[in-house]
Amino acid sequence: MSTIAIKIELKELIEQERDLSILKAIKALLKKTTLDTVLREKLTRRAIKSEEDIKSGRVLSRAEVIRKTDKLIKK
């Protein structure tokens, strides 16, 4: 079954559905898939940037991290 055929069938099934809980479940499922994709892309970009930072030497020592964390906690 092609993507277009599946979309057409889903639209028809959704249009016929009267049970609100089923419609909410479908909506949640579709939103979750979208959010997962967005989150995966965001985390991938963050990981690539982190790798670039490490290669370029843009890192903090353990002592620097502790100092910065302590400053944030004291605020």
C-alpha atoms as a PDB file:
ATOM      1  CA  MET A   1       0.000   0.000   0.000  1.00  0.00           C
ATOM      2  CA  SER A   2       1.433   3.375  -0.956  1.00  0.00           C
ATOM      3  CA  THR A   3       1.791   6.366   1.350  1.00  0.00           C
ATOM      4  CA  ILE A   4      -0.964   8.210  -0.485  1.00  0.00           C
ATOM      5  CA  ALA A   5      -3.337   5.255  -0.219  1.00  0.00           C
ATOM      6  CA  ILE A   6      -2.695   4.914   3.503  1.00  0.00           C
ATOM      7  CA  LYS A   7      -3.288   8.634   4.067  1.00  0.00           C
ATOM      8  CA  ILE A   8      -6.558   8.486   2.141  1.00  0.00           C
ATOM      9  CA  GLU A   9      -7.714   5.475   4.133  1.00  0.00           C
ATOM     10  CA  LEU A  10      -6.715   7.089   7.433  1.00  0.00           C
ATOM     11  CA  LYS A  11      -8.569  10.290   6.560  1.00  0.00           C
ATOM     12  CA  GLU A  12     -11.693   8.282   5.750  1.00  0.00           C
ATOM     13  CA  LEU A  13     -11.448   6.240   8.953  1.00  0.00           C
ATOM     14  CA  ILE A  14     -10.872   9.342  11.067  1.00  0.00           C
ATOM     15  CA  GLU A  15     -13.795  11.099   9.422  1.00  0.00           C
ATOM     16  CA  GLN A  16     -16.074   8.175  10.275  1.00  0.00           C
ATOM     17  CA  GLU A  17     -14.834   7.747  13.852  1.00  0.00           C
ATOM     18  CA  ARG A  18     -17.168   9.083  16.550  1.00  0.00           C
ATOM     19  CA  ASP A  19     -15.375   7.818  19.672  1.00  0.00           C
ATOM     20  CA  LEU A  20     -13.561  10.785  21.203  1.00  0.00           C
ATOM     21  CA  SER A  21     -11.074   8.596  23.090  1.00  0.00           C
ATOM     22  CA  ILE A  22      -9.984   6.905  19.862  1.00  0.00           C
ATOM     23  CA  LEU A  23      -9.587  10.265  18.122  1.00  0.00           C
ATOM     24  CA  LYS A  24      -7.536  11.572  21.065  1.00  0.00           C
ATOM     25  CA  ALA A  25      -5.363   8.445  20.962  1.00  0.00           C
ATOM     26  CA  ILE A  26      -4.725   8.898  17.238  1.00  0.00           C
ATOM     27  CA  LYS A  27      -3.880  12.557  17.788  1.00  0.00           C
ATOM     28  CA  ALA A  28      -1.488  11.722  20.648  1.00  0.00           C
ATOM     29  CA  LEU A  29       0.206   9.041  18.568  1.00  0.00           C
ATOM     30  CA  LEU A  30       0.729  11.373  15.622  1.00  0.00           C
ATOM     31  CA  LYS A  31       1.979  14.211  17.843  1.00  0.00           C
ATOM     32  CA  LYS A  32       4.374  11.889  19.684  1.00  0.00           C
ATOM     33  CA  THR A  33       5.887  10.746  16.407  1.00  0.00           C
ATOM     34  CA  THR A  34       6.399  14.363  15.357  1.00  0.00           C
ATOM     35  CA  LEU A  35       7.895  15.300  18.715  1.00  0.00           C
ATOM     36  CA  ASP A  36      10.195  12.277  18.644  1.00  0.00           C
ATOM     37  CA  THR A  37      11.504  13.363  15.245  1.00  0.00           C
ATOM     38  CA  VAL A  38      12.006  16.946  16.402  1.00  0.00           C
ATOM     39  CA  LEU A  39      13.689  15.804  19.611  1.00  0.00           C
ATOM     40  CA  ARG A  40      15.944  13.380  17.741  1.00  0.00           C
ATOM     41  CA  GLU A  41      17.034  16.142  15.340  1.00  0.00           C
ATOM     42  CA  LYS A  42      17.659  18.568  18.197  1.00  0.00           C
ATOM     43  CA  LEU A  43      19.705  16.028  20.157  1.00  0.00           C
ATOM     44  CA  THR A  44      21.684  15.084  17.050  1.00  0.00           C
ATOM     45  CA  ARG A  45      22.554  18.734  16.379  1.00  0.00           C
ATOM     46  CA  ARG A  46      23.559  19.165  20.013  1.00  0.00           C
ATOM     47  CA  ALA A  47      25.759  16.051  19.879  1.00  0.00           C
ATOM     48  CA  ILE A  48      27.489  17.232  16.686  1.00  0.00           C
ATOM     49  CA  LYS A  49      28.136  20.649  18.239  1.00  0.00           C
ATOM     50  CA  SER A  50      29.523  18.974  21.359  1.00  0.00           C
ATOM     51  CA  GLU A  51      31.876  16.847  19.284  1.00  0.00           C
ATOM     52  CA  GLU A  52      33.068  19.976  17.456  1.00  0.00           C
ATOM     53  CA  ASP A  53      33.604  21.768  20.783  1.00  0.00           C
ATOM     54  CA  ILE A  54      35.661  18.864  22.117  1.00  0.00           C
ATOM     55  CA  LYS A  55      37.796  18.681  18.976  1.00  0.00           C
ATOM     56  CA  SER A  56      38.386  22.444  19.144  1.00  0.00           C
ATOM     57  CA  GLY A  57      39.298  22.347  22.812  1.00  0.00           C
ATOM     58  CA  ARG A  58      36.226  24.301  23.945  1.00  0.00           C
ATOM     59  CA  VAL A  59      35.793  22.303  27.146  1.00  0.00           C
ATOM     60  CA  LEU A  60      35.748  23.050  30.869  1.00  0.00           C
ATOM     61  CA  SER A  61      37.867  21.386  33.499  1.00  0.00           C
ATOM     62  CA  ARG A  62      36.188  19.615  36.388  1.00  0.00           C
ATOM     63  CA  ALA A  63      37.107  22.521  38.689  1.00  0.00           C
ATOM     64  CA  GLU A  64      35.549  25.048  36.293  1.00  0.00           C
ATOM     65  CA  VAL A  65      32.341  23.050  36.135  1.00  0.00           C
ATOM     66  CA  ILE A  66      32.166  22.861  39.930  1.00  0.00           C
ATOM     67  CA  ARG A  67      32.738  26.634  40.265  1.00  0.00           C
ATOM     68  CA  LYS A  68      30.049  27.447  37.703  1.00  0.00           C
ATOM     69  CA  THR A  69      27.602  24.990  39.265  1.00  0.00           C
ATOM     70  CA  ASP A  70      28.230  26.397  42.741  1.00  0.00           C
ATOM     71  CA  LYS A  71      27.559  29.924  41.485  1.00  0.00           C
ATOM     72  CA  LEU A  72      24.235  28.809  39.954  1.00  0.00           C
ATOM     73  CA  ILE A  73      23.167  27.022  43.116  1.00  0.00           C
ATOM     74  CA  LYS A  74      23.957  30.041  45.324  1.00  0.00           C
ATOM     75  CA  LYS A  75      21.792  32.403  43.242  1.00  0.00           C
END
